Amino acid sequence: MAAVTRIFLGVTGASGAAYAATALRALTDAGCEVGLCVSRAGAHVISHELLLAGRDSPRDPDGVIRDFVTRSGAAPGMVTVLGLEDLTAPFASGSSLAPAALICPCSGSTLAAIAHGTARNLIHRCADVMLKERRTLVLMTRETPLSLIHIENMAAVTRAGAIVMPAAPGFYNNPTQVSQLVDFMVGKALDHLGVPHGLLARWGDGAMGEPTDPMETNP
């Protein structure tokens, strides 16, 4: 599958900012030009989870996003930061021919807006465009446990053509670091976007680790 060159990355207010940072770096490493849009709640989560500002120490969202791009290690010049309310951005129109979008992480409220077509910002609108144009939309949802509302919204967007990918990393590659769990999920998302990467070992490719005792505690 050929790599796409223009990807929309939406970051919303669910926990899991590390997934977004890894995705941003991996996309640019693959040569993709990324349109990055971060919600206000997403910026708050980034500030708390990645920039360690604390939940009660809100920062200017624009500054958070700039620091996030730098912290992610994204290739210079490959990321365009888009305003949440900027519905004049190319990704807001099907005529832009952007082939794919990833919302990572995707909050329950964002999922609901997409499922019901109530676009109120650029992230919602870009998802709407991907669905109506029959292009690739991957939603990395992060919520647990799931209510019936969440499940029905997931079913609705799946019927509309989206790929729902809950942030549920696998353990068959015997991870020893949190970063490996993050890489696993981002790698799965990039597979569906058609973007080449080396983030995860493939089942049966000979690169899997030796089986370990799951009850063993590492010193």
N, C-alpha and C. Protein backbone atom coordinates (compact mmCIF):
# COMPACT_ATOMS: atom_id res chain seq x y z
N MET A 1 0.84 -1.19 0.00
CA MET A 1 0.00 0.00 0.00
C MET A 1 0.88 1.25 0.00
N ALA A 2 0.61 2.16 -0.91
CA ALA A 2 1.43 3.35 -1.03
C ALA A 2 1.15 4.30 0.12
N ALA A 3 2.18 4.99 0.56
CA ALA A 3 2.03 5.95 1.66
C ALA A 3 1.29 7.18 1.18
N VAL A 4 0.40 7.69 2.01
CA VAL A 4 -0.26 8.94 1.71
C VAL A 4 0.67 10.08 2.13
N THR A 5 0.41 11.27 1.64
CA THR A 5 1.32 12.38 1.91
C THR A 5 0.69 13.48 2.73
N ARG A 6 -0.63 13.52 2.83
CA ARG A 6 -1.29 14.57 3.61
C ARG A 6 -2.26 13.91 4.57
N ILE A 7 -2.04 14.13 5.86
CA ILE A 7 -2.86 13.50 6.90
C ILE A 7 -3.34 14.58 7.86
N PHE A 8 -4.60 14.47 8.26
CA PHE A 8 -5.13 15.32 9.32
C PHE A 8 -5.01 14.56 10.63
N LEU A 9 -4.44 15.22 11.65
CA LEU A 9 -4.35 14.63 12.98
C LEU A 9 -5.11 15.51 13.96
N GLY A 10 -6.21 14.99 14.48
CA GLY A 10 -6.97 15.71 15.48
C GLY A 10 -6.68 15.15 16.86
N VAL A 11 -6.48 16.02 17.82
CA VAL A 11 -6.18 15.61 19.20
C VAL A 11 -7.25 16.20 20.10
N THR A 12 -7.99 15.34 20.80
CA THR A 12 -9.08 15.81 21.64
C THR A 12 -8.78 15.53 23.11
N GLY A 13 -9.76 15.75 23.97
CA GLY A 13 -9.50 15.80 25.40
C GLY A 13 -9.53 14.49 26.15
N ALA A 14 -9.47 13.36 25.48
CA ALA A 14 -9.35 12.09 26.19
C ALA A 14 -7.92 11.90 26.68
N SER A 15 -7.77 11.11 27.73
CA SER A 15 -6.42 10.77 28.19
C SER A 15 -5.71 9.97 27.11
N GLY A 16 -4.40 10.20 26.97
CA GLY A 16 -3.64 9.47 25.96
C GLY A 16 -2.85 10.38 25.03
N ALA A 17 -2.37 11.50 25.57
CA ALA A 17 -1.60 12.44 24.75
C ALA A 17 -0.35 11.80 24.17
N ALA A 18 0.20 10.79 24.85
CA ALA A 18 1.39 10.12 24.34
C ALA A 18 1.12 9.45 22.99
N TYR A 19 -0.09 8.95 22.79
CA TYR A 19 -0.43 8.38 21.49
C TYR A 19 -0.34 9.44 20.40
N ALA A 20 -0.85 10.63 20.69
CA ALA A 20 -0.82 11.70 19.70
C ALA A 20 0.60 12.12 19.36
N ALA A 21 1.46 12.23 20.38
CA ALA A 21 2.84 12.64 20.15
C ALA A 21 3.57 11.62 19.29
N THR A 22 3.38 10.35 19.59
CA THR A 22 4.03 9.30 18.80
C THR A 22 3.50 9.28 17.38
N ALA A 23 2.20 9.47 17.22
CA ALA A 23 1.61 9.50 15.89
C ALA A 23 2.16 10.66 15.06
N LEU A 24 2.28 11.83 15.68
CA LEU A 24 2.78 12.99 14.96
C LEU A 24 4.20 12.75 14.47
N ARG A 25 5.04 12.21 15.35
CA ARG A 25 6.42 11.94 14.95
C ARG A 25 6.49 10.87 13.85
N ALA A 26 5.73 9.80 14.01
CA ALA A 26 5.78 8.70 13.05
C ALA A 26 5.25 9.13 11.68
N LEU A 27 4.22 9.95 11.67
CA LEU A 27 3.69 10.42 10.39
C LEU A 27 4.71 11.26 9.64
N THR A 28 5.35 12.17 10.34
CA THR A 28 6.35 13.02 9.66
C THR A 28 7.59 12.22 9.30
N ASP A 29 7.95 11.23 10.12
CA ASP A 29 9.08 10.37 9.78
C ASP A 29 8.82 9.62 8.47
N ALA A 30 7.54 9.33 8.21
CA ALA A 30 7.17 8.61 6.99
C ALA A 30 7.02 9.55 5.79
N GLY A 31 7.29 10.84 6.00
CA GLY A 31 7.21 11.80 4.91
C GLY A 31 5.85 12.42 4.71
N CYS A 32 4.94 12.24 5.67
CA CYS A 32 3.60 12.82 5.56
C CYS A 32 3.61 14.28 6.02
N GLU A 33 2.87 15.10 5.30
CA GLU A 33 2.60 16.45 5.75
C GLU A 33 1.36 16.39 6.63
N VAL A 34 1.47 16.90 7.85
CA VAL A 34 0.40 16.73 8.84
C VAL A 34 -0.28 18.06 9.14
N GLY A 35 -1.60 18.07 9.02
CA GLY A 35 -2.39 19.18 9.51
C GLY A 35 -2.84 18.84 10.92
N LEU A 36 -2.32 19.54 11.90
CA LEU A 36 -2.56 19.23 13.31
C LEU A 36 -3.59 20.19 13.88
N CYS A 37 -4.63 19.63 14.49
CA CYS A 37 -5.65 20.45 15.14
C CYS A 37 -5.90 19.88 16.53
N VAL A 38 -5.76 20.71 17.55
CA VAL A 38 -5.89 20.28 18.93
C VAL A 38 -7.04 21.04 19.59
N SER A 39 -7.95 20.31 20.21
CA SER A 39 -9.05 20.97 20.91
C SER A 39 -8.53 21.62 22.19
N ARG A 40 -9.34 22.48 22.77
CA ARG A 40 -8.92 23.13 24.02
C ARG A 40 -8.73 22.10 25.13
N ALA A 41 -9.65 21.13 25.21
CA ALA A 41 -9.49 20.07 26.21
C ALA A 41 -8.27 19.22 25.89
N GLY A 42 -8.00 19.01 24.61
CA GLY A 42 -6.82 18.25 24.21
C GLY A 42 -5.54 18.95 24.64
N ALA A 43 -5.50 20.27 24.51
CA ALA A 43 -4.32 21.03 24.95
C ALA A 43 -4.14 20.92 26.45
N HIS A 44 -5.24 20.90 27.19
CA HIS A 44 -5.15 20.78 28.64
C HIS A 44 -4.57 19.42 29.04
N VAL A 45 -5.02 18.36 28.35
CA VAL A 45 -4.50 17.02 28.64
C VAL A 45 -3.02 16.93 28.28
N ILE A 46 -2.64 17.50 27.14
CA ILE A 46 -1.22 17.51 26.74
C ILE A 46 -0.39 18.21 27.81
N SER A 47 -0.90 19.36 28.28
CA SER A 47 -0.16 20.12 29.29
C SER A 47 0.05 19.28 30.54
N HIS A 48 -0.97 18.53 30.94
CA HIS A 48 -0.88 17.73 32.16
C HIS A 48 -0.06 16.46 31.97
N GLU A 49 -0.33 15.72 30.87
CA GLU A 49 0.26 14.39 30.70
C GLU A 49 1.65 14.40 30.10
N LEU A 50 1.93 15.35 29.22
CA LEU A 50 3.23 15.38 28.54
C LEU A 50 4.14 16.49 29.03
N LEU A 51 3.58 17.66 29.27
CA LEU A 51 4.40 18.80 29.67
C LEU A 51 4.47 18.95 31.18
N LEU A 52 3.72 18.08 31.88
CA LEU A 52 3.78 17.98 33.35
C LEU A 52 3.49 19.31 34.05
N ALA A 53 2.52 20.03 33.51
CA ALA A 53 2.17 21.33 34.09
C ALA A 53 1.22 21.20 35.27
N GLY A 54 0.61 20.02 35.42
CA GLY A 54 -0.35 19.84 36.51
C GLY A 54 -1.76 20.18 36.04
N ARG A 55 -2.73 19.48 36.61
CA ARG A 55 -4.12 19.68 36.19
C ARG A 55 -4.64 21.05 36.55
N ASP A 56 -4.11 21.64 37.60
CA ASP A 56 -4.62 22.93 38.06
C ASP A 56 -3.74 24.10 37.65
N SER A 57 -2.88 23.86 36.65
CA SER A 57 -1.99 24.92 36.17
C SER A 57 -2.19 25.10 34.66
N PRO A 58 -3.35 25.63 34.26
CA PRO A 58 -3.64 25.77 32.84
C PRO A 58 -2.65 26.71 32.16
N ARG A 59 -2.29 26.36 30.93
CA ARG A 59 -1.38 27.18 30.15
C ARG A 59 -2.09 27.67 28.90
N ASP A 60 -1.51 28.64 28.24
CA ASP A 60 -2.04 29.14 26.98
C ASP A 60 -2.04 27.99 25.97
N PRO A 61 -3.21 27.66 25.39
CA PRO A 61 -3.27 26.51 24.47
C PRO A 61 -2.31 26.61 23.31
N ASP A 62 -2.11 27.82 22.75
CA ASP A 62 -1.20 27.96 21.61
C ASP A 62 0.22 27.60 22.01
N GLY A 63 0.62 28.01 23.20
CA GLY A 63 1.96 27.67 23.67
C GLY A 63 2.10 26.19 23.92
N VAL A 64 1.05 25.57 24.46
CA VAL A 64 1.06 24.13 24.70
C VAL A 64 1.24 23.38 23.39
N ILE A 65 0.51 23.79 22.37
CA ILE A 65 0.58 23.11 21.08
C ILE A 65 1.97 23.26 20.47
N ARG A 66 2.55 24.45 20.57
CA ARG A 66 3.92 24.63 20.05
C ARG A 66 4.90 23.71 20.77
N ASP A 67 4.78 23.65 22.09
CA ASP A 67 5.67 22.79 22.86
C ASP A 67 5.42 21.32 22.54
N PHE A 68 4.18 20.98 22.30
CA PHE A 68 3.82 19.60 21.95
C PHE A 68 4.49 19.18 20.65
N VAL A 69 4.43 20.03 19.64
CA VAL A 69 5.06 19.70 18.35
C VAL A 69 6.55 19.49 18.53
N THR A 70 7.19 20.38 19.30
CA THR A 70 8.62 20.25 19.55
C THR A 70 8.93 18.98 20.32
N ARG A 71 8.16 18.75 21.38
CA ARG A 71 8.38 17.59 22.25
C ARG A 71 8.17 16.27 21.50
N SER A 72 7.29 16.26 20.53
CA SER A 72 6.98 15.03 19.80
C SER A 72 8.15 14.54 18.95
N GLY A 73 9.05 15.46 18.59
CA GLY A 73 10.14 15.08 17.70
C GLY A 73 9.74 15.06 16.24
N ALA A 74 8.63 15.71 15.90
CA ALA A 74 8.16 15.75 14.52
C ALA A 74 9.20 16.42 13.62
N ALA A 75 9.29 15.94 12.41
CA ALA A 75 10.25 16.49 11.45
C ALA A 75 9.94 17.96 11.20
N PRO A 76 10.96 18.83 11.23
CA PRO A 76 10.75 20.27 11.01
C PRO A 76 10.10 20.54 9.66
N GLY A 77 9.16 21.47 9.66
CA GLY A 77 8.53 21.90 8.42
C GLY A 77 7.45 20.98 7.89
N MET A 78 7.14 19.89 8.62
CA MET A 78 6.16 18.92 8.13
C MET A 78 4.81 19.05 8.83
N VAL A 79 4.70 19.97 9.79
CA VAL A 79 3.46 20.10 10.57
C VAL A 79 2.89 21.50 10.41
N THR A 80 1.62 21.57 10.04
CA THR A 80 0.89 22.83 10.00
C THR A 80 -0.15 22.81 11.11
N VAL A 81 -0.04 23.75 12.04
CA VAL A 81 -1.00 23.82 13.15
C VAL A 81 -2.24 24.57 12.66
N LEU A 82 -3.39 23.95 12.83
CA LEU A 82 -4.65 24.51 12.36
C LEU A 82 -5.51 24.93 13.54
N GLY A 83 -6.18 26.05 13.42
CA GLY A 83 -7.05 26.54 14.47
C GLY A 83 -8.31 25.69 14.59
N LEU A 84 -8.76 25.46 15.81
CA LEU A 84 -9.92 24.61 16.04
C LEU A 84 -11.17 25.17 15.35
N GLU A 85 -11.28 26.48 15.27
CA GLU A 85 -12.46 27.09 14.66
C GLU A 85 -12.25 27.47 13.21
N ASP A 86 -11.13 27.11 12.62
CA ASP A 86 -10.79 27.53 11.26
C ASP A 86 -11.45 26.61 10.24
N LEU A 87 -12.69 26.88 9.92
CA LEU A 87 -13.40 26.07 8.95
C LEU A 87 -13.07 26.46 7.52
N THR A 88 -12.14 27.40 7.34
CA THR A 88 -11.63 27.70 6.00
C THR A 88 -10.39 26.87 5.68
N ALA A 89 -9.92 26.06 6.62
CA ALA A 89 -8.75 25.21 6.37
C ALA A 89 -9.08 24.20 5.27
N PRO A 90 -8.08 23.83 4.46
CA PRO A 90 -8.34 22.89 3.36
C PRO A 90 -9.00 21.59 3.80
N PHE A 91 -8.67 21.09 4.98
CA PHE A 91 -9.23 19.82 5.43
C PHE A 91 -10.74 19.90 5.70
N ALA A 92 -11.30 21.10 5.70
CA ALA A 92 -12.74 21.26 5.94
C ALA A 92 -13.56 21.02 4.68
N SER A 93 -12.89 20.77 3.56
CA SER A 93 -13.60 20.58 2.29
C SER A 93 -13.15 19.30 1.61
N GLY A 94 -14.10 18.59 1.04
CA GLY A 94 -13.77 17.39 0.28
C GLY A 94 -12.96 17.69 -0.96
N SER A 95 -13.02 18.92 -1.45
CA SER A 95 -12.26 19.27 -2.66
C SER A 95 -10.76 19.30 -2.42
N SER A 96 -10.35 19.26 -1.13
CA SER A 96 -8.91 19.30 -0.84
C SER A 96 -8.24 17.97 -1.16
N LEU A 97 -9.03 16.90 -1.29
CA LEU A 97 -8.52 15.57 -1.63
C LEU A 97 -7.58 14.98 -0.58
N ALA A 98 -7.64 15.49 0.64
CA ALA A 98 -6.87 14.86 1.71
C ALA A 98 -7.38 13.43 1.87
N PRO A 99 -6.49 12.44 1.85
CA PRO A 99 -6.94 11.05 1.79
C PRO A 99 -7.31 10.41 3.12
N ALA A 100 -6.87 10.98 4.23
CA ALA A 100 -7.09 10.27 5.49
C ALA A 100 -7.00 11.21 6.68
N ALA A 101 -7.63 10.77 7.77
CA ALA A 101 -7.59 11.53 9.02
C ALA A 101 -7.52 10.56 10.19
N LEU A 102 -6.79 10.98 11.21
CA LEU A 102 -6.68 10.22 12.45
C LEU A 102 -7.05 11.14 13.60
N ILE A 103 -7.98 10.72 14.44
CA ILE A 103 -8.30 11.46 15.65
C ILE A 103 -7.79 10.62 16.81
N CYS A 104 -6.78 11.16 17.49
CA CYS A 104 -6.00 10.37 18.44
C CYS A 104 -5.46 11.26 19.57
N PRO A 105 -5.98 11.09 20.79
CA PRO A 105 -7.10 10.24 21.15
C PRO A 105 -8.43 10.89 20.79
N CYS A 106 -9.46 10.07 20.73
CA CYS A 106 -10.80 10.55 20.40
C CYS A 106 -11.68 10.45 21.64
N SER A 107 -12.15 11.56 22.12
CA SER A 107 -13.00 11.58 23.32
C SER A 107 -14.41 11.11 23.00
N GLY A 108 -15.16 10.78 24.05
CA GLY A 108 -16.54 10.37 23.87
C GLY A 108 -17.40 11.46 23.26
N SER A 109 -17.15 12.71 23.62
CA SER A 109 -17.95 13.81 23.07
C SER A 109 -17.64 14.03 21.60
N THR A 110 -16.37 13.86 21.21
CA THR A 110 -16.00 13.97 19.80
C THR A 110 -16.63 12.84 19.01
N LEU A 111 -16.58 11.63 19.54
CA LEU A 111 -17.23 10.49 18.90
C LEU A 111 -18.70 10.77 18.68
N ALA A 112 -19.36 11.33 19.69
CA ALA A 112 -20.79 11.61 19.58
C ALA A 112 -21.07 12.64 18.48
N ALA A 113 -20.25 13.70 18.43
CA ALA A 113 -20.46 14.72 17.41
C ALA A 113 -20.30 14.14 16.00
N ILE A 114 -19.33 13.25 15.83
CA ILE A 114 -19.11 12.62 14.52
C ILE A 114 -20.27 11.69 14.19
N ALA A 115 -20.69 10.89 15.18
CA ALA A 115 -21.75 9.92 14.95
C ALA A 115 -23.05 10.58 14.54
N HIS A 116 -23.30 11.78 15.06
CA HIS A 116 -24.59 12.45 14.80
C HIS A 116 -24.47 13.61 13.82
N GLY A 117 -23.28 13.81 13.24
CA GLY A 117 -23.12 14.83 12.21
C GLY A 117 -23.27 16.24 12.69
N THR A 118 -23.00 16.49 13.97
CA THR A 118 -23.17 17.84 14.53
C THR A 118 -21.81 18.53 14.63
N ALA A 119 -21.21 18.77 13.49
CA ALA A 119 -19.87 19.35 13.46
C ALA A 119 -19.87 20.76 14.01
N ARG A 120 -19.05 20.99 15.06
CA ARG A 120 -18.96 22.30 15.69
C ARG A 120 -17.55 22.88 15.62
N ASN A 121 -16.61 22.12 15.09
CA ASN A 121 -15.24 22.62 14.97
C ASN A 121 -14.54 21.89 13.83
N LEU A 122 -13.27 22.22 13.61
CA LEU A 122 -12.56 21.65 12.46
C LEU A 122 -12.34 20.15 12.60
N ILE A 123 -12.13 19.66 13.82
CA ILE A 123 -11.94 18.23 14.00
C ILE A 123 -13.20 17.47 13.59
N HIS A 124 -14.34 17.94 14.08
CA HIS A 124 -15.61 17.31 13.70
C HIS A 124 -15.82 17.40 12.19
N ARG A 125 -15.58 18.58 11.63
CA ARG A 125 -15.84 18.79 10.21
C ARG A 125 -14.94 17.92 9.34
N CYS A 126 -13.67 17.81 9.70
CA CYS A 126 -12.77 16.96 8.91
C CYS A 126 -13.23 15.51 8.94
N ALA A 127 -13.66 15.04 10.11
CA ALA A 127 -14.18 13.67 10.19
C ALA A 127 -15.41 13.52 9.30
N ASP A 128 -16.27 14.50 9.31
CA ASP A 128 -17.47 14.49 8.47
C ASP A 128 -17.09 14.40 7.00
N VAL A 129 -16.06 15.17 6.61
CA VAL A 129 -15.59 15.15 5.23
C VAL A 129 -15.07 13.77 4.85
N MET A 130 -14.28 13.16 5.72
CA MET A 130 -13.74 11.84 5.42
C MET A 130 -14.87 10.83 5.18
N LEU A 131 -15.92 10.91 5.99
CA LEU A 131 -17.03 9.97 5.85
C LEU A 131 -17.82 10.22 4.57
N LYS A 132 -18.13 11.48 4.30
CA LYS A 132 -18.96 11.76 3.13
C LYS A 132 -18.22 11.51 1.82
N GLU A 133 -16.90 11.64 1.85
CA GLU A 133 -16.09 11.42 0.65
C GLU A 133 -15.60 9.98 0.54
N ARG A 134 -16.00 9.13 1.50
CA ARG A 134 -15.60 7.72 1.52
C ARG A 134 -14.09 7.56 1.59
N ARG A 135 -13.47 8.37 2.46
CA ARG A 135 -12.03 8.28 2.66
C ARG A 135 -11.74 7.68 4.04
N THR A 136 -10.48 7.54 4.37
CA THR A 136 -10.10 6.82 5.59
C THR A 136 -10.20 7.72 6.82
N LEU A 137 -10.95 7.26 7.81
CA LEU A 137 -11.06 7.95 9.09
C LEU A 137 -10.83 6.94 10.20
N VAL A 138 -9.78 7.16 11.00
CA VAL A 138 -9.47 6.29 12.13
C VAL A 138 -9.71 7.06 13.42
N LEU A 139 -10.52 6.48 14.30
CA LEU A 139 -10.83 7.11 15.58
C LEU A 139 -10.24 6.25 16.69
N MET A 140 -9.18 6.76 17.35
CA MET A 140 -8.59 6.03 18.46
C MET A 140 -9.28 6.47 19.74
N THR A 141 -10.38 5.78 20.04
CA THR A 141 -11.17 6.13 21.21
C THR A 141 -10.47 5.72 22.49
N ARG A 142 -10.71 6.49 23.57
CA ARG A 142 -10.06 6.20 24.86
C ARG A 142 -11.06 6.49 25.96
N GLU A 143 -11.77 5.46 26.34
CA GLU A 143 -12.74 5.57 27.42
C GLU A 143 -12.99 4.18 27.98
N THR A 144 -13.20 4.06 29.26
CA THR A 144 -13.54 2.78 29.88
C THR A 144 -14.14 3.00 31.25
N PRO A 145 -15.16 2.25 31.62
CA PRO A 145 -15.91 1.32 30.77
C PRO A 145 -16.77 2.09 29.77
N LEU A 146 -17.36 1.36 28.85
CA LEU A 146 -18.17 1.98 27.82
C LEU A 146 -19.65 1.93 28.20
N SER A 147 -20.34 3.05 28.03
CA SER A 147 -21.78 3.05 28.22
C SER A 147 -22.43 2.59 26.91
N LEU A 148 -23.72 2.31 26.97
CA LEU A 148 -24.44 1.93 25.76
C LEU A 148 -24.39 3.07 24.74
N ILE A 149 -24.39 4.31 25.22
CA ILE A 149 -24.29 5.46 24.31
C ILE A 149 -22.99 5.40 23.52
N HIS A 150 -21.86 5.15 24.21
CA HIS A 150 -20.58 5.03 23.51
C HIS A 150 -20.64 3.92 22.46
N ILE A 151 -21.16 2.76 22.86
CA ILE A 151 -21.19 1.61 21.97
C ILE A 151 -22.05 1.90 20.74
N GLU A 152 -23.21 2.52 20.96
CA GLU A 152 -24.08 2.83 19.82
C GLU A 152 -23.44 3.88 18.91
N ASN A 153 -22.73 4.85 19.49
CA ASN A 153 -22.04 5.83 18.66
C ASN A 153 -20.92 5.18 17.86
N MET A 154 -20.20 4.23 18.47
CA MET A 154 -19.17 3.49 17.73
C MET A 154 -19.78 2.71 16.58
N ALA A 155 -20.93 2.10 16.83
CA ALA A 155 -21.61 1.36 15.76
C ALA A 155 -22.04 2.29 14.63
N ALA A 156 -22.51 3.48 15.00
CA ALA A 156 -22.98 4.43 13.99
C ALA A 156 -21.84 4.89 13.08
N VAL A 157 -20.69 5.25 13.67
CA VAL A 157 -19.59 5.72 12.83
C VAL A 157 -18.99 4.57 12.02
N THR A 158 -19.04 3.36 12.57
CA THR A 158 -18.54 2.20 11.81
C THR A 158 -19.42 1.95 10.60
N ARG A 159 -20.73 2.03 10.78
CA ARG A 159 -21.63 1.87 9.63
C ARG A 159 -21.39 2.96 8.59
N ALA A 160 -20.99 4.15 9.04
CA ALA A 160 -20.74 5.26 8.12
C ALA A 160 -19.39 5.13 7.42
N GLY A 161 -18.54 4.22 7.88
CA GLY A 161 -17.27 4.00 7.19
C GLY A 161 -16.02 4.25 7.99
N ALA A 162 -16.16 4.71 9.24
CA ALA A 162 -14.97 4.97 10.06
C ALA A 162 -14.41 3.67 10.61
N ILE A 163 -13.14 3.73 11.00
CA ILE A 163 -12.47 2.62 11.69
C ILE A 163 -12.33 3.01 13.15
N VAL A 164 -13.02 2.31 14.03
CA VAL A 164 -12.95 2.58 15.46
C VAL A 164 -11.86 1.71 16.06
N MET A 165 -10.89 2.35 16.69
CA MET A 165 -9.73 1.63 17.21
C MET A 165 -9.51 2.05 18.66
N PRO A 166 -10.18 1.38 19.60
CA PRO A 166 -9.97 1.71 21.01
C PRO A 166 -8.51 1.57 21.39
N ALA A 167 -8.05 2.42 22.27
CA ALA A 167 -6.65 2.37 22.71
C ALA A 167 -6.46 1.17 23.64
N ALA A 168 -6.33 0.00 23.03
CA ALA A 168 -6.20 -1.27 23.78
C ALA A 168 -4.99 -2.02 23.25
N PRO A 169 -3.79 -1.67 23.70
CA PRO A 169 -2.58 -2.28 23.15
C PRO A 169 -2.48 -3.77 23.45
N GLY A 170 -1.80 -4.48 22.54
CA GLY A 170 -1.57 -5.91 22.73
C GLY A 170 -0.32 -6.17 23.55
N PHE A 171 -0.23 -7.37 24.08
CA PHE A 171 0.91 -7.75 24.91
C PHE A 171 1.66 -8.95 24.35
N TYR A 172 1.30 -9.41 23.15
CA TYR A 172 1.94 -10.61 22.61
C TYR A 172 3.39 -10.38 22.18
N ASN A 173 3.79 -9.10 22.08
CA ASN A 173 5.20 -8.81 21.77
C ASN A 173 6.03 -8.62 23.03
N ASN A 174 5.46 -8.99 24.19
CA ASN A 174 6.17 -8.94 25.47
C ASN A 174 6.79 -7.57 25.75
N PRO A 175 5.96 -6.52 25.81
CA PRO A 175 6.50 -5.18 26.06
C PRO A 175 7.10 -5.07 27.45
N THR A 176 8.15 -4.28 27.55
CA THR A 176 8.79 -4.01 28.84
C THR A 176 8.75 -2.53 29.19
N GLN A 177 8.25 -1.70 28.28
CA GLN A 177 8.18 -0.26 28.51
C GLN A 177 6.82 0.26 28.04
N VAL A 178 6.36 1.32 28.69
CA VAL A 178 5.10 1.94 28.30
C VAL A 178 5.17 2.40 26.85
N SER A 179 6.32 2.89 26.41
CA SER A 179 6.46 3.39 25.04
C SER A 179 6.16 2.31 24.01
N GLN A 180 6.43 1.06 24.34
CA GLN A 180 6.13 -0.04 23.41
C GLN A 180 4.63 -0.26 23.26
N LEU A 181 3.90 -0.05 24.35
CA LEU A 181 2.44 -0.15 24.28
C LEU A 181 1.87 0.98 23.43
N VAL A 182 2.44 2.17 23.59
CA VAL A 182 2.01 3.31 22.78
C VAL A 182 2.33 3.05 21.31
N ASP A 183 3.55 2.58 21.04
CA ASP A 183 3.95 2.30 19.66
C ASP A 183 3.03 1.27 19.01
N PHE A 184 2.63 0.28 19.77
CA PHE A 184 1.75 -0.76 19.23
C PHE A 184 0.46 -0.15 18.68
N MET A 185 -0.18 0.70 19.50
CA MET A 185 -1.44 1.28 19.08
C MET A 185 -1.27 2.23 17.90
N VAL A 186 -0.24 3.06 17.96
CA VAL A 186 -0.02 4.01 16.86
C VAL A 186 0.32 3.25 15.58
N GLY A 187 1.10 2.18 15.71
CA GLY A 187 1.42 1.38 14.54
C GLY A 187 0.18 0.79 13.89
N LYS A 188 -0.76 0.31 14.72
CA LYS A 188 -2.00 -0.23 14.17
C LYS A 188 -2.79 0.86 13.43
N ALA A 189 -2.80 2.07 13.99
CA ALA A 189 -3.51 3.18 13.34
C ALA A 189 -2.86 3.52 12.01
N LEU A 190 -1.52 3.58 12.00
CA LEU A 190 -0.83 3.92 10.76
C LEU A 190 -1.02 2.85 9.69
N ASP A 191 -1.15 1.60 10.10
CA ASP A 191 -1.45 0.54 9.13
C ASP A 191 -2.72 0.86 8.36
N HIS A 192 -3.75 1.30 9.08
CA HIS A 192 -5.03 1.59 8.43
C HIS A 192 -4.99 2.88 7.62
N LEU A 193 -4.05 3.76 7.95
CA LEU A 193 -3.88 4.98 7.17
C LEU A 193 -3.03 4.74 5.92
N GLY A 194 -2.40 3.56 5.84
CA GLY A 194 -1.53 3.26 4.71
C GLY A 194 -0.17 3.91 4.81
N VAL A 195 0.28 4.17 6.04
CA VAL A 195 1.56 4.86 6.26
C VAL A 195 2.59 3.85 6.75
N PRO A 196 3.73 3.73 6.08
CA PRO A 196 4.75 2.77 6.49
C PRO A 196 5.42 3.19 7.80
N HIS A 197 5.80 2.20 8.60
CA HIS A 197 6.42 2.48 9.89
C HIS A 197 7.12 1.22 10.39
N GLY A 198 7.88 1.38 11.46
CA GLY A 198 8.52 0.24 12.11
C GLY A 198 8.21 0.21 13.58
N LEU A 199 6.98 0.56 13.94
CA LEU A 199 6.63 0.72 15.34
C LEU A 199 6.29 -0.58 16.05
N LEU A 200 5.92 -1.61 15.31
CA LEU A 200 5.52 -2.84 15.98
C LEU A 200 6.01 -4.06 15.23
N ALA A 201 6.20 -5.14 15.98
CA ALA A 201 6.59 -6.41 15.37
C ALA A 201 5.35 -7.10 14.82
N ARG A 202 5.50 -7.74 13.67
CA ARG A 202 4.39 -8.44 13.04
C ARG A 202 4.32 -9.87 13.54
N TRP A 203 3.11 -10.34 13.75
CA TRP A 203 2.93 -11.71 14.20
C TRP A 203 3.49 -12.68 13.16
N GLY A 204 4.39 -13.56 13.60
CA GLY A 204 4.94 -14.57 12.71
C GLY A 204 6.13 -14.11 11.88
N ASP A 205 6.63 -12.88 12.13
CA ASP A 205 7.75 -12.39 11.31
C ASP A 205 9.10 -12.73 11.93
N GLY A 206 9.09 -13.46 13.06
CA GLY A 206 10.35 -13.85 13.69
C GLY A 206 10.91 -12.81 14.60
N ALA A 207 10.21 -11.67 14.76
CA ALA A 207 10.74 -10.58 15.58
C ALA A 207 10.09 -10.51 16.95
N MET A 208 9.20 -11.47 17.24
CA MET A 208 8.53 -11.44 18.52
C MET A 208 9.48 -11.85 19.63
N GLY A 209 9.25 -11.32 20.82
CA GLY A 209 10.10 -11.65 21.96
C GLY A 209 9.82 -13.05 22.48
N GLU A 210 10.70 -13.56 23.31
CA GLU A 210 10.49 -14.86 23.93
C GLU A 210 9.34 -14.76 24.94
N PRO A 211 8.53 -15.82 25.04
CA PRO A 211 7.44 -15.79 26.02
C PRO A 211 7.98 -15.58 27.42
N THR A 212 7.25 -14.79 28.21
CA THR A 212 7.64 -14.53 29.59
C THR A 212 6.53 -14.89 30.52
N ASP A 213 6.87 -15.08 31.78
CA ASP A 213 5.86 -15.37 32.80
C ASP A 213 5.13 -14.07 33.14
N PRO A 214 3.83 -13.96 32.86
CA PRO A 214 3.12 -12.69 33.13
C PRO A 214 3.05 -12.34 34.59
N MET A 215 3.32 -13.30 35.46
CA MET A 215 3.27 -13.03 36.90
C MET A 215 4.62 -12.63 37.45
N GLU A 216 5.65 -12.70 36.61
CA GLU A 216 6.98 -12.36 37.07
C GLU A 216 7.11 -10.86 37.25
N THR A 217 7.72 -10.42 38.30
CA THR A 217 7.92 -9.00 38.57
C THR A 217 9.36 -8.63 38.27
N ASN A 218 9.54 -7.67 37.38
CA ASN A 218 10.89 -7.23 37.05
C ASN A 218 11.44 -6.36 38.19
N PRO A 219 12.72 -6.51 38.50
CA PRO A 219 13.29 -5.69 39.58
C PRO A 219 13.33 -4.23 39.17
